[in-house]
PDB file of N, CA and C in Angstrom:
ATOM      1  N   MET A   1      15.919 -30.226 -68.916  1.00  0.00           N
ATOM      2  CA  MET A   1      14.844 -29.557 -68.223  1.00  0.00           C
ATOM      3  C   MET A   1      14.007 -28.815 -69.256  1.00  0.00           C
ATOM      4  N   SER A   2      12.729 -28.824 -69.079  1.00  0.00           N
ATOM      5  CA  SER A   2      11.846 -28.181 -70.053  1.00  0.00           C
ATOM      6  C   SER A   2      11.835 -26.675 -69.843  1.00  0.00           C
ATOM      7  N   ALA A   3      11.339 -25.976 -70.843  1.00  0.00           N
ATOM      8  CA  ALA A   3      11.244 -24.517 -70.757  1.00  0.00           C
ATOM      9  C   ALA A   3      10.293 -24.108 -69.645  1.00  0.00           C
ATOM     10  N   GLN A   4       9.217 -24.878 -69.447  1.00  0.00           N
ATOM     11  CA  GLN A   4       8.259 -24.584 -68.386  1.00  0.00           C
ATOM     12  C   GLN A   4       8.915 -24.744 -67.014  1.00  0.00           C
ATOM     13  N   GLY A   5       9.712 -25.785 -66.839  1.00  0.00           N
ATOM     14  CA  GLY A   5      10.398 -26.017 -65.572  1.00  0.00           C
ATOM     15  C   GLY A   5      11.393 -24.913 -65.255  1.00  0.00           C
ATOM     16  N   GLU A   6      12.100 -24.442 -66.276  1.00  0.00           N
ATOM     17  CA  GLU A   6      13.058 -23.360 -66.063  1.00  0.00           C
ATOM     18  C   GLU A   6      12.353 -22.069 -65.697  1.00  0.00           C
ATOM     19  N   SER A   7      11.232 -21.778 -66.350  1.00  0.00           N
ATOM     20  CA  SER A   7      10.526 -20.537 -66.036  1.00  0.00           C
ATOM     21  C   SER A   7       9.923 -20.602 -64.641  1.00  0.00           C
ATOM     22  N   ASP A   8       9.487 -21.795 -64.207  1.00  0.00           N
ATOM     23  CA  ASP A   8       8.971 -21.946 -62.842  1.00  0.00           C
ATOM     24  C   ASP A   8      10.085 -21.726 -61.819  1.00  0.00           C
ATOM     25  N   LYS A   9      11.267 -22.270 -62.133  1.00  0.00           N
ATOM     26  CA  LYS A   9      12.400 -22.104 -61.227  1.00  0.00           C
ATOM     27  C   LYS A   9      12.797 -20.634 -61.130  1.00  0.00           C
ATOM     28  N   MET A  10      12.799 -19.933 -62.246  1.00  0.00           N
ATOM     29  CA  MET A  10      13.149 -18.510 -62.253  1.00  0.00           C
ATOM     30  C   MET A  10      12.113 -17.699 -61.480  1.00  0.00           C
ATOM     31  N   ALA A  11      10.850 -18.089 -61.561  1.00  0.00           N
ATOM     32  CA  ALA A  11       9.800 -17.339 -60.883  1.00  0.00           C
ATOM     33  C   ALA A  11       9.877 -17.515 -59.376  1.00  0.00           C
ATOM     34  N   THR A  12      10.332 -18.697 -58.908  1.00  0.00           N
ATOM     35  CA  THR A  12      10.387 -18.932 -57.465  1.00  0.00           C
ATOM     36  C   THR A  12      11.645 -18.356 -56.833  1.00  0.00           C
ATOM     37  N   GLU A  13      12.683 -18.116 -57.603  1.00  0.00           N
ATOM     38  CA  GLU A  13      13.893 -17.523 -57.054  1.00  0.00           C
ATOM     39  C   GLU A  13      13.678 -16.030 -56.848  1.00  0.00           C
ATOM     40  N   HIS A  14      14.266 -15.514 -55.787  1.00  0.00           N
ATOM     41  CA  HIS A  14      14.159 -14.092 -55.512  1.00  0.00           C
ATOM     42  C   HIS A  14      15.308 -13.363 -56.193  1.00  0.00           C
ATOM     43  N   ALA A  15      15.019 -12.176 -56.646  1.00  0.00           N
ATOM     44  CA  ALA A  15      16.060 -11.361 -57.265  1.00  0.00           C
ATOM     45  C   ALA A  15      16.897 -10.733 -56.153  1.00  0.00           C
ATOM     46  N   HIS A  16      18.179 -11.005 -56.159  1.00  0.00           N
ATOM     47  CA  HIS A  16      19.055 -10.425 -55.148  1.00  0.00           C
ATOM     48  C   HIS A  16      19.527  -9.050 -55.591  1.00  0.00           C
ATOM     49  N   ALA A  17      20.024  -8.320 -54.641  1.00  0.00           N
ATOM     50  CA  ALA A  17      20.464  -6.953 -54.900  1.00  0.00           C
ATOM     51  C   ALA A  17      21.687  -6.947 -55.813  1.00  0.00           C
ATOM     52  N   THR A  18      21.831  -5.856 -56.514  1.00  0.00           N
ATOM     53  CA  THR A  18      22.976  -5.696 -57.406  1.00  0.00           C
ATOM     54  C   THR A  18      24.154  -5.107 -56.637  1.00  0.00           C
ATOM     55  N   THR A  19      25.284  -5.054 -57.287  1.00  0.00           N
ATOM     56  CA  THR A  19      26.475  -4.457 -56.674  1.00  0.00           C
ATOM     57  C   THR A  19      26.233  -2.993 -56.336  1.00  0.00           C
ATOM     58  N   GLY A  20      25.520  -2.293 -57.207  1.00  0.00           N
ATOM     59  CA  GLY A  20      25.201  -0.890 -56.943  1.00  0.00           C
ATOM     60  C   GLY A  20      24.388  -0.710 -55.672  1.00  0.00           C
ATOM     61  N   THR A  21      23.466  -1.632 -55.437  1.00  0.00           N
ATOM     62  CA  THR A  21      22.660  -1.557 -54.218  1.00  0.00           C
ATOM     63  C   THR A  21      23.536  -1.727 -52.988  1.00  0.00           C
ATOM     64  N   TYR A  22      24.451  -2.687 -53.042  1.00  0.00           N
ATOM     65  CA  TYR A  22      25.347  -2.894 -51.899  1.00  0.00           C
ATOM     66  C   TYR A  22      26.255  -1.683 -51.671  1.00  0.00           C
ATOM     67  N   LEU A  23      26.690  -1.059 -52.726  1.00  0.00           N
ATOM     68  CA  LEU A  23      27.527   0.139 -52.578  1.00  0.00           C
ATOM     69  C   LEU A  23      26.720   1.301 -51.998  1.00  0.00           C
ATOM     70  N   ARG A  24      25.451   1.436 -52.412  1.00  0.00           N
ATOM     71  CA  ARG A  24      24.607   2.494 -51.842  1.00  0.00           C
ATOM     72  C   ARG A  24      24.356   2.240 -50.358  1.00  0.00           C
ATOM     73  N   ILE A  25      24.105   0.998 -49.991  1.00  0.00           N
ATOM     74  CA  ILE A  25      23.894   0.672 -48.578  1.00  0.00           C
ATOM     75  C   ILE A  25      25.165   0.948 -47.781  1.00  0.00           C
ATOM     76  N   ALA A  26      26.312   0.612 -48.344  1.00  0.00           N
ATOM     77  CA  ALA A  26      27.587   0.898 -47.666  1.00  0.00           C
ATOM     78  C   ALA A  26      27.770   2.404 -47.473  1.00  0.00           C
ATOM     79  N   ALA A  27      27.420   3.195 -48.474  1.00  0.00           N
ATOM     80  CA  ALA A  27      27.535   4.653 -48.355  1.00  0.00           C
ATOM     81  C   ALA A  27      26.591   5.181 -47.275  1.00  0.00           C
ATOM     82  N   ILE A  28      25.382   4.637 -47.219  1.00  0.00           N
ATOM     83  CA  ILE A  28      24.436   5.051 -46.179  1.00  0.00           C
ATOM     84  C   ILE A  28      24.970   4.687 -44.800  1.00  0.00           C
ATOM     85  N   LEU A  29      25.557   3.503 -44.670  1.00  0.00           N
ATOM     86  CA  LEU A  29      26.132   3.092 -43.385  1.00  0.00           C
ATOM     87  C   LEU A  29      27.279   4.003 -42.963  1.00  0.00           C
ATOM     88  N   VAL A  30      28.097   4.408 -43.918  1.00  0.00           N
ATOM     89  CA  VAL A  30      29.192   5.345 -43.609  1.00  0.00           C
ATOM     90  C   VAL A  30      28.627   6.686 -43.154  1.00  0.00           C
ATOM     91  N   MET A  31      27.591   7.171 -43.839  1.00  0.00           N
ATOM     92  CA  MET A  31      26.995   8.452 -43.451  1.00  0.00           C
ATOM     93  C   MET A  31      26.391   8.389 -42.050  1.00  0.00           C
ATOM     94  N   ILE A  32      25.716   7.290 -41.734  1.00  0.00           N
ATOM     95  CA  ILE A  32      25.127   7.146 -40.398  1.00  0.00           C
ATOM     96  C   ILE A  32      26.229   7.088 -39.341  1.00  0.00           C
ATOM     97  N   THR A  33      27.324   6.413 -39.652  1.00  0.00           N
ATOM     98  CA  THR A  33      28.444   6.352 -38.716  1.00  0.00           C
ATOM     99  C   THR A  33      29.040   7.743 -38.490  1.00  0.00           C
ATOM    100  N   LEU A  34      29.181   8.520 -39.551  1.00  0.00           N
ATOM    101  CA  LEU A  34      29.682   9.888 -39.405  1.00  0.00           C
ATOM    102  C   LEU A  34      28.733  10.745 -38.569  1.00  0.00           C
ATOM    103  N   ILE A  35      27.437  10.549 -38.747  1.00  0.00           N
ATOM    104  CA  ILE A  35      26.460  11.272 -37.933  1.00  0.00           C
ATOM    105  C   ILE A  35      26.602  10.875 -36.466  1.00  0.00           C
ATOM    106  N   GLU A  36      26.798   9.582 -36.209  1.00  0.00           N
ATOM    107  CA  GLU A  36      26.976   9.121 -34.827  1.00  0.00           C
ATOM    108  C   GLU A  36      28.193   9.765 -34.188  1.00  0.00           C
ATOM    109  N   VAL A  37      29.288   9.809 -34.918  1.00  0.00           N
ATOM    110  CA  VAL A  37      30.507  10.415 -34.373  1.00  0.00           C
ATOM    111  C   VAL A  37      30.295  11.911 -34.162  1.00  0.00           C
ATOM    112  N   GLY A  38      29.651  12.572 -35.115  1.00  0.00           N
ATOM    113  CA  GLY A  38      29.400  14.009 -34.989  1.00  0.00           C
ATOM    114  C   GLY A  38      28.475  14.340 -33.830  1.00  0.00           C
ATOM    115  N   VAL A  39      27.434  13.541 -33.634  1.00  0.00           N
ATOM    116  CA  VAL A  39      26.478  13.778 -32.550  1.00  0.00           C
ATOM    117  C   VAL A  39      27.168  13.673 -31.195  1.00  0.00           C
ATOM    118  N   PHE A  40      28.127  12.799 -31.084  1.00  0.00           N
ATOM    119  CA  PHE A  40      28.824  12.611 -29.816  1.00  0.00           C
ATOM    120  C   PHE A  40      29.542  13.891 -29.370  1.00  0.00           C
ATOM    121  N   TYR A  41      30.019  14.674 -30.321  1.00  0.00           N
ATOM    122  CA  TYR A  41      30.804  15.861 -29.989  1.00  0.00           C
ATOM    123  C   TYR A  41      29.988  17.148 -29.928  1.00  0.00           C
ATOM    124  N   VAL A  42      28.695  17.093 -30.190  1.00  0.00           N
ATOM    125  CA  VAL A  42      27.849  18.297 -30.122  1.00  0.00           C
ATOM    126  C   VAL A  42      27.256  18.393 -28.717  1.00  0.00           C
ATOM    127  N   PRO A  43      27.597  19.445 -27.976  1.00  0.00           N
ATOM    128  CA  PRO A  43      27.108  19.567 -26.591  1.00  0.00           C
ATOM    129  C   PRO A  43      25.578  19.648 -26.492  1.00  0.00           C
ATOM    130  N   ALA A  44      24.919  20.170 -27.491  1.00  0.00           N
ATOM    131  CA  ALA A  44      23.463  20.321 -27.440  1.00  0.00           C
ATOM    132  C   ALA A  44      22.743  18.974 -27.404  1.00  0.00           C
ATOM    133  N   PHE A  45      23.391  17.916 -27.859  1.00  0.00           N
ATOM    134  CA  PHE A  45      22.775  16.596 -27.900  1.00  0.00           C
ATOM    135  C   PHE A  45      23.074  15.747 -26.665  1.00  0.00           C
ATOM    136  N   GLN A  46      23.734  16.295 -25.658  1.00  0.00           N
ATOM    137  CA  GLN A  46      24.127  15.496 -24.501  1.00  0.00           C
ATOM    138  C   GLN A  46      22.925  14.910 -23.749  1.00  0.00           C
ATOM    139  N   ASN A  47      21.800  15.637 -23.732  1.00  0.00           N
ATOM    140  CA  ASN A  47      20.625  15.136 -23.017  1.00  0.00           C
ATOM    141  C   ASN A  47      19.973  13.951 -23.713  1.00  0.00           C
ATOM    142  N   VAL A  48      20.091  13.875 -25.017  1.00  0.00           N
ATOM    143  CA  VAL A  48      19.450  12.794 -25.782  1.00  0.00           C
ATOM    144  C   VAL A  48      20.480  11.932 -26.493  1.00  0.00           C
ATOM    145  N   LEU A  49      21.701  11.963 -26.021  1.00  0.00           N
ATOM    146  CA  LEU A  49      22.789  11.262 -26.707  1.00  0.00           C
ATOM    147  C   LEU A  49      22.554   9.758 -26.795  1.00  0.00           C
ATOM    148  N   VAL A  50      22.262   9.124 -25.688  1.00  0.00           N
ATOM    149  CA  VAL A  50      22.119   7.664 -25.677  1.00  0.00           C
ATOM    150  C   VAL A  50      20.930   7.206 -26.532  1.00  0.00           C
ATOM    151  N   PRO A  51      19.734   7.780 -26.365  1.00  0.00           N
ATOM    152  CA  PRO A  51      18.636   7.331 -27.229  1.00  0.00           C
ATOM    153  C   PRO A  51      18.903   7.583 -28.714  1.00  0.00           C
ATOM    154  N   LEU A  52      19.515   8.703 -29.030  1.00  0.00           N
ATOM    155  CA  LEU A  52      19.811   9.015 -30.427  1.00  0.00           C
ATOM    156  C   LEU A  52      20.816   8.022 -31.013  1.00  0.00           C
ATOM    157  N   LEU A  53      21.856   7.703 -30.259  1.00  0.00           N
ATOM    158  CA  LEU A  53      22.832   6.725 -30.732  1.00  0.00           C
ATOM    159  C   LEU A  53      22.220   5.327 -30.851  1.00  0.00           C
ATOM    160  N   LEU A  54      21.308   4.997 -29.948  1.00  0.00           N
ATOM    161  CA  LEU A  54      20.631   3.701 -30.041  1.00  0.00           C
ATOM    162  C   LEU A  54      19.764   3.612 -31.292  1.00  0.00           C
ATOM    163  N   VAL A  55      19.072   4.679 -31.619  1.00  0.00           N
ATOM    164  CA  VAL A  55      18.229   4.686 -32.823  1.00  0.00           C
ATOM    165  C   VAL A  55      19.094   4.586 -34.074  1.00  0.00           C
ATOM    166  N   LEU A  56      20.167   5.360 -34.130  1.00  0.00           N
ATOM    167  CA  LEU A  56      21.049   5.304 -35.295  1.00  0.00           C
ATOM    168  C   LEU A  56      21.691   3.926 -35.435  1.00  0.00           C
ATOM    169  N   SER A  57      22.076   3.338 -34.323  1.00  0.00           N
ATOM    170  CA  SER A  57      22.654   1.992 -34.369  1.00  0.00           C
ATOM    171  C   SER A  57      21.624   0.962 -34.812  1.00  0.00           C
ATOM    172  N   ALA A  58      20.389   1.126 -34.393  1.00  0.00           N
ATOM    173  CA  ALA A  58      19.327   0.201 -34.806  1.00  0.00           C
ATOM    174  C   ALA A  58      19.078   0.296 -36.311  1.00  0.00           C
ATOM    175  N   VAL A  59      19.146   1.505 -36.851  1.00  0.00           N
ATOM    176  CA  VAL A  59      18.978   1.680 -38.301  1.00  0.00           C
ATOM    177  C   VAL A  59      20.115   0.986 -39.042  1.00  0.00           C
ATOM    178  N   LYS A  60      21.334   1.179 -38.567  1.00  0.00           N
ATOM    179  CA  LYS A  60      22.476   0.507 -39.198  1.00  0.00           C
ATOM    180  C   LYS A  60      22.344  -1.011 -39.095  1.00  0.00           C
ATOM    181  N   PHE A  61      21.966  -1.489 -37.940  1.00  0.00           N
ATOM    182  CA  PHE A  61      21.801  -2.922 -37.739  1.00  0.00           C
ATOM    183  C   PHE A  61      20.759  -3.485 -38.701  1.00  0.00           C
ATOM    184  N   THR A  62      19.651  -2.793 -38.842  1.00  0.00           N
ATOM    185  CA  THR A  62      18.586  -3.239 -39.734  1.00  0.00           C
ATOM    186  C   THR A  62      19.063  -3.300 -41.177  1.00  0.00           C
ATOM    187  N   LEU A  63      19.788  -2.293 -41.621  1.00  0.00           N
ATOM    188  CA  LEU A  63      20.299  -2.298 -42.990  1.00  0.00           C
ATOM    189  C   LEU A  63      21.265  -3.457 -43.219  1.00  0.00           C
ATOM    190  N   VAL A  64      22.137  -3.700 -42.262  1.00  0.00           N
ATOM    191  CA  VAL A  64      23.098  -4.798 -42.411  1.00  0.00           C
ATOM    192  C   VAL A  64      22.382  -6.137 -42.465  1.00  0.00           C
ATOM    193  N   VAL A  65      21.411  -6.325 -41.582  1.00  0.00           N
ATOM    194  CA  VAL A  65      20.685  -7.592 -41.553  1.00  0.00           C
ATOM    195  C   VAL A  65      19.873  -7.790 -42.832  1.00  0.00           C
ATOM    196  N   MET A  66      19.207  -6.734 -43.276  1.00  0.00           N
ATOM    197  CA  MET A  66      18.348  -6.870 -44.457  1.00  0.00           C
ATOM    198  C   MET A  66      19.137  -7.155 -45.726  1.00  0.00           C
ATOM    199  N   PHE A  67      20.237  -6.459 -45.913  1.00  0.00           N
ATOM    200  CA  PHE A  67      20.932  -6.568 -47.191  1.00  0.00           C
ATOM    201  C   PHE A  67      22.137  -7.499 -47.149  1.00  0.00           C
ATOM    202  N   TYR A  68      23.012  -7.355 -46.160  1.00  0.00           N
ATOM    203  CA  TYR A  68      24.232  -8.150 -46.154  1.00  0.00           C
ATOM    204  C   TYR A  68      24.011  -9.563 -45.620  1.00  0.00           C
ATOM    205  N   MET A  69      22.987  -9.741 -44.789  1.00  0.00           N
ATOM    206  CA  MET A  69      22.645 -11.090 -44.340  1.00  0.00           C
ATOM    207  C   MET A  69      21.519 -11.672 -45.181  1.00  0.00           C
ATOM    208  N   HIS A  70      21.044 -10.926 -46.150  1.00  0.00           N
ATOM    209  CA  HIS A  70      20.059 -11.354 -47.150  1.00  0.00           C
ATOM    210  C   HIS A  70      18.706 -11.722 -46.566  1.00  0.00           C
ATOM    211  N   LEU A  71      18.350 -11.227 -45.384  1.00  0.00           N
ATOM    212  CA  LEU A  71      17.039 -11.541 -44.836  1.00  0.00           C
ATOM    213  C   LEU A  71      15.919 -10.888 -45.639  1.00  0.00           C
ATOM    214  N   LYS A  72      16.234  -9.821 -46.337  1.00  0.00           N
ATOM    215  CA  LYS A  72      15.216  -9.172 -47.158  1.00  0.00           C
ATOM    216  C   LYS A  72      14.780 -10.074 -48.307  1.00  0.00           C
ATOM    217  N   PHE A  73      15.665 -10.926 -48.756  1.00  0.00           N
ATOM    218  CA  PHE A  73      15.387 -11.763 -49.918  1.00  0.00           C
ATOM    219  C   PHE A  73      15.025 -13.198 -49.542  1.00  0.00           C
ATOM    220  N   ASP A  74      15.119 -13.552 -48.260  1.00  0.00           N
ATOM    221  CA  ASP A  74      14.817 -14.914 -47.820  1.00  0.00           C
ATOM    222  C   ASP A  74      13.353 -15.034 -47.423  1.00  0.00           C
ATOM    223  N   ASN A  75      12.997 -16.226 -47.021  1.00  0.00           N
ATOM    224  CA  ASN A  75      11.666 -16.519 -46.547  1.00  0.00           C
ATOM    225  C   ASN A  75      11.357 -15.673 -45.306  1.00  0.00           C
ATOM    226  N   ARG A  76      10.130 -15.222 -45.175  1.00  0.00           N
ATOM    227  CA  ARG A  76       9.730 -14.395 -44.031  1.00  0.00           C
ATOM    228  C   ARG A  76       9.900 -15.135 -42.701  1.00  0.00           C
ATOM    229  N   PHE A  77       9.848 -16.447 -42.733  1.00  0.00           N
ATOM    230  CA  PHE A  77      10.012 -17.234 -41.519  1.00  0.00           C
ATOM    231  C   PHE A  77      11.380 -16.995 -40.884  1.00  0.00           C
ATOM    232  N   PHE A  78      12.410 -16.887 -41.714  1.00  0.00           N
ATOM    233  CA  PHE A  78      13.755 -16.637 -41.191  1.00  0.00           C
ATOM    234  C   PHE A  78      13.848 -15.251 -40.569  1.00  0.00           C
ATOM    235  N   ALA A  79      13.190 -14.288 -41.185  1.00  0.00           N
ATOM    236  CA  ALA A  79      13.168 -12.939 -40.609  1.00  0.00           C
ATOM    237  C   ALA A  79      12.465 -12.958 -39.259  1.00  0.00           C
ATOM    238  N   PHE A  80      11.391 -13.742 -39.139  1.00  0.00           N
ATOM    239  CA  PHE A  80      10.690 -13.864 -37.863  1.00  0.00           C
ATOM    240  C   PHE A  80      11.578 -14.538 -36.823  1.00  0.00           C
ATOM    241  N   LEU A  81      12.292 -15.604 -37.216  1.00  0.00           N
ATOM    242  CA  LEU A  81      13.176 -16.290 -36.277  1.00  0.00           C
ATOM    243  C   LEU A  81      14.290 -15.378 -35.780  1.00  0.00           C
ATOM    244  N   PHE A  82      14.710 -14.456 -36.606  1.00  0.00           N
ATOM    245  CA  PHE A  82      15.761 -13.524 -36.211  1.00  0.00           C
ATOM    246  C   PHE A  82      15.180 -12.325 -35.467  1.00  0.00           C
ATOM    247  N   GLY A  83      14.078 -11.786 -35.965  1.00  0.00           N
ATOM    248  CA  GLY A  83      13.514 -10.562 -35.405  1.00  0.00           C
ATOM    249  C   GLY A  83      12.753 -10.747 -34.113  1.00  0.00           C
ATOM    250  N   GLY A  84      12.098 -11.892 -33.938  1.00  0.00           N
ATOM    251  CA  GLY A  84      11.333 -12.124 -32.713  1.00  0.00           C
ATOM    252  C   GLY A  84      12.186 -12.060 -31.456  1.00  0.00           C
ATOM    253  N   PRO A  85      13.236 -12.871 -31.358  1.00  0.00           N
ATOM    254  CA  PRO A  85      14.104 -12.785 -30.181  1.00  0.00           C
ATOM    255  C   PRO A  85      14.805 -11.431 -30.051  1.00  0.00           C
ATOM    256  N   LEU A  86      15.105 -10.813 -31.184  1.00  0.00           N
ATOM    257  CA  LEU A  86      15.725  -9.491 -31.131  1.00  0.00           C
ATOM    258  C   LEU A  86      14.781  -8.472 -30.507  1.00  0.00           C
ATOM    259  N   LEU A  87      13.523  -8.516 -30.876  1.00  0.00           N
ATOM    260  CA  LEU A  87      12.524  -7.621 -30.301  1.00  0.00           C
ATOM    261  C   LEU A  87      12.364  -7.882 -28.809  1.00  0.00           C
ATOM    262  N   LEU A  88      12.346  -9.141 -28.431  1.00  0.00           N
ATOM    263  CA  LEU A  88      12.255  -9.493 -27.015  1.00  0.00           C
ATOM    264  C   LEU A  88      13.463  -8.953 -26.238  1.00  0.00           C
ATOM    265  N   ALA A  89      14.643  -9.102 -26.791  1.00  0.00           N
ATOM    266  CA  ALA A  89      15.855  -8.590 -26.139  1.00  0.00           C
ATOM    267  C   ALA A  89      15.797  -7.067 -26.009  1.00  0.00           C
ATOM    268  N   LEU A  90      15.291  -6.391 -27.027  1.00  0.00           N
ATOM    269  CA  LEU A  90      15.174  -4.933 -26.982  1.00  0.00           C
ATOM    270  C   LEU A  90      14.228  -4.496 -25.873  1.00  0.00           C
ATOM    271  N   VAL A  91      13.110  -5.184 -25.744  1.00  0.00           N
ATOM    272  CA  VAL A  91      12.150  -4.861 -24.687  1.00  0.00           C
ATOM    273  C   VAL A  91      12.778  -5.074 -23.314  1.00  0.00           C
ATOM    274  N   VAL A  92      13.529  -6.144 -23.139  1.00  0.00           N
ATOM    275  CA  VAL A  92      14.184  -6.415 -21.853  1.00  0.00           C
ATOM    276  C   VAL A  92      15.215  -5.332 -21.541  1.00  0.00           C
ATOM    277  N   VAL A  93      16.018  -4.955 -22.519  1.00  0.00           N
ATOM    278  CA  VAL A  93      17.056  -3.937 -22.293  1.00  0.00           C
ATOM    279  C   VAL A  93      16.431  -2.596 -21.932  1.00  0.00           C
ATOM    280  N   VAL A  94      15.411  -2.190 -22.675  1.00  0.00           N
ATOM    281  CA  VAL A  94      14.759  -0.908 -22.382  1.00  0.00           C
ATOM    282  C   VAL A  94      14.106  -0.951 -21.003  1.00  0.00           C
ATOM    283  N   SER A  95      13.482  -2.065 -20.659  1.00  0.00           N
ATOM    284  CA  SER A  95      12.867  -2.199 -19.338  1.00  0.00           C
ATOM    285  C   SER A  95      13.908  -2.082 -18.226  1.00  0.00           C
ATOM    286  N   LEU A  96      15.034  -2.745 -18.408  1.00  0.00           N
ATOM    287  CA  LEU A  96      16.097  -2.658 -17.397  1.00  0.00           C
ATOM    288  C   LEU A  96      16.653  -1.246 -17.286  1.00  0.00           C
ATOM    289  N   LEU A  97      16.805  -0.576 -18.412  1.00  0.00           N
ATOM    290  CA  LEU A  97      17.275   0.814 -18.362  1.00  0.00           C
ATOM    291  C   LEU A  97      16.304   1.697 -17.596  1.00  0.00           C
ATOM    292  N   LEU A  98      15.027   1.519 -17.840  1.00  0.00           N
ATOM    293  CA  LEU A  98      14.030   2.322 -17.127  1.00  0.00           C
ATOM    294  C   LEU A  98      13.992   1.984 -15.640  1.00  0.00           C
ATOM    295  N   ILE A  99      14.135   0.714 -15.300  1.00  0.00           N
ATOM    296  CA  ILE A  99      14.143   0.323 -13.891  1.00  0.00           C
ATOM    297  C   ILE A  99      15.340   0.932 -13.175  1.00  0.00           C
ATOM    298  N   PHE A 100      16.527   0.830 -13.775  1.00  0.00           N
ATOM    299  CA  PHE A 100      17.724   1.370 -13.130  1.00  0.00           C
ATOM    300  C   PHE A 100      17.705   2.891 -13.094  1.00  0.00           C
ATOM    301  N   TYR A 101      17.131   3.516 -14.100  1.00  0.00           N
ATOM    302  CA  TYR A 101      17.011   4.976 -14.087  1.00  0.00           C
ATOM    303  C   TYR A 101      16.112   5.405 -12.932  1.00  0.00           C
ATOM    304  N   GLY A 102      15.006   4.675 -12.730  1.00  0.00           N
ATOM    305  CA  GLY A 102      14.116   4.989 -11.615  1.00  0.00           C
ATOM    306  C   GLY A 102      14.777   4.750 -10.270  1.00  0.00           C
ATOM    307  N   ALA A 103      15.576   3.695 -10.171  1.00  0.00           N
ATOM    308  CA  ALA A 103      16.265   3.400  -8.911  1.00  0.00           C
ATOM    309  C   ALA A 103      17.290   4.479  -8.589  1.00  0.00           C
ATOM    310  N   VAL A 104      17.986   4.971  -9.589  1.00  0.00           N
ATOM    311  CA  VAL A 104      18.976   6.033  -9.369  1.00  0.00           C
ATOM    312  C   VAL A 104      18.278   7.312  -8.942  1.00  0.00           C
ATOM    313  N   ARG A 105      17.154   7.617  -9.582  1.00  0.00           N
ATOM    314  CA  ARG A 105      16.410   8.833  -9.218  1.00  0.00           C
ATOM    315  C   ARG A 105      15.892   8.753  -7.792  1.00  0.00           C
ATOM    316  N   LEU A 106      15.417   7.578  -7.369  1.00  0.00           N
ATOM    317  CA  LEU A 106      14.939   7.439  -6.002  1.00  0.00           C
ATOM    318  C   LEU A 106      16.074   7.575  -4.998  1.00  0.00           C
ATOM    319  N   ARG A 107      17.237   7.036  -5.328  1.00  0.00           N
ATOM    320  CA  ARG A 107      18.371   7.074  -4.416  1.00  0.00           C
ATOM    321  C   ARG A 107      18.927   8.488  -4.277  1.00  0.00           C
ATOM    322  N   THR A 108      18.979   9.246  -5.378  1.00  0.00           N
ATOM    323  CA  THR A 108      19.549  10.588  -5.333  1.00  0.00           C
ATOM    324  C   THR A 108      18.513  11.627  -4.948  1.00  0.00           C
ATOM    325  N   GLY A 109      17.224  11.295  -5.031  1.00  0.00           N
ATOM    326  CA  GLY A 109      16.187  12.239  -4.640  1.00  0.00           C
ATOM    327  C   GLY A 109      15.901  13.315  -5.671  1.00  0.00           C
ATOM    328  N   THR A 110      16.305  13.078  -6.934  1.00  0.00           N
ATOM    329  CA  THR A 110      16.032  14.095  -7.963  1.00  0.00           C
ATOM    330  C   THR A 110      14.916  13.654  -8.864  1.00  0.00           C
TER     331      THR A 110
END
């Protein structure tokens, strides 16, 4: 293979994360998990517990998908194939939660 061909191949390959990056992401995931566990036991957060846990879980999910599933380093098309249906599912879940919350409020009269 010629030197030009090798340099072209190197330019088209994406640089993957180093071991240090994976260890930092793992540490961040552990910290977020500890925050989730801590939030569960704080009485002041009971009113916003579910939305807060959903946001923290979404952050963890995003980090895992981006780094450990390598979507950050792959073609954007794969990220779209993964993220599009995920976004649709999120919209459906939130819509159902709001519908059922409204139905419960109407039934209880509060």
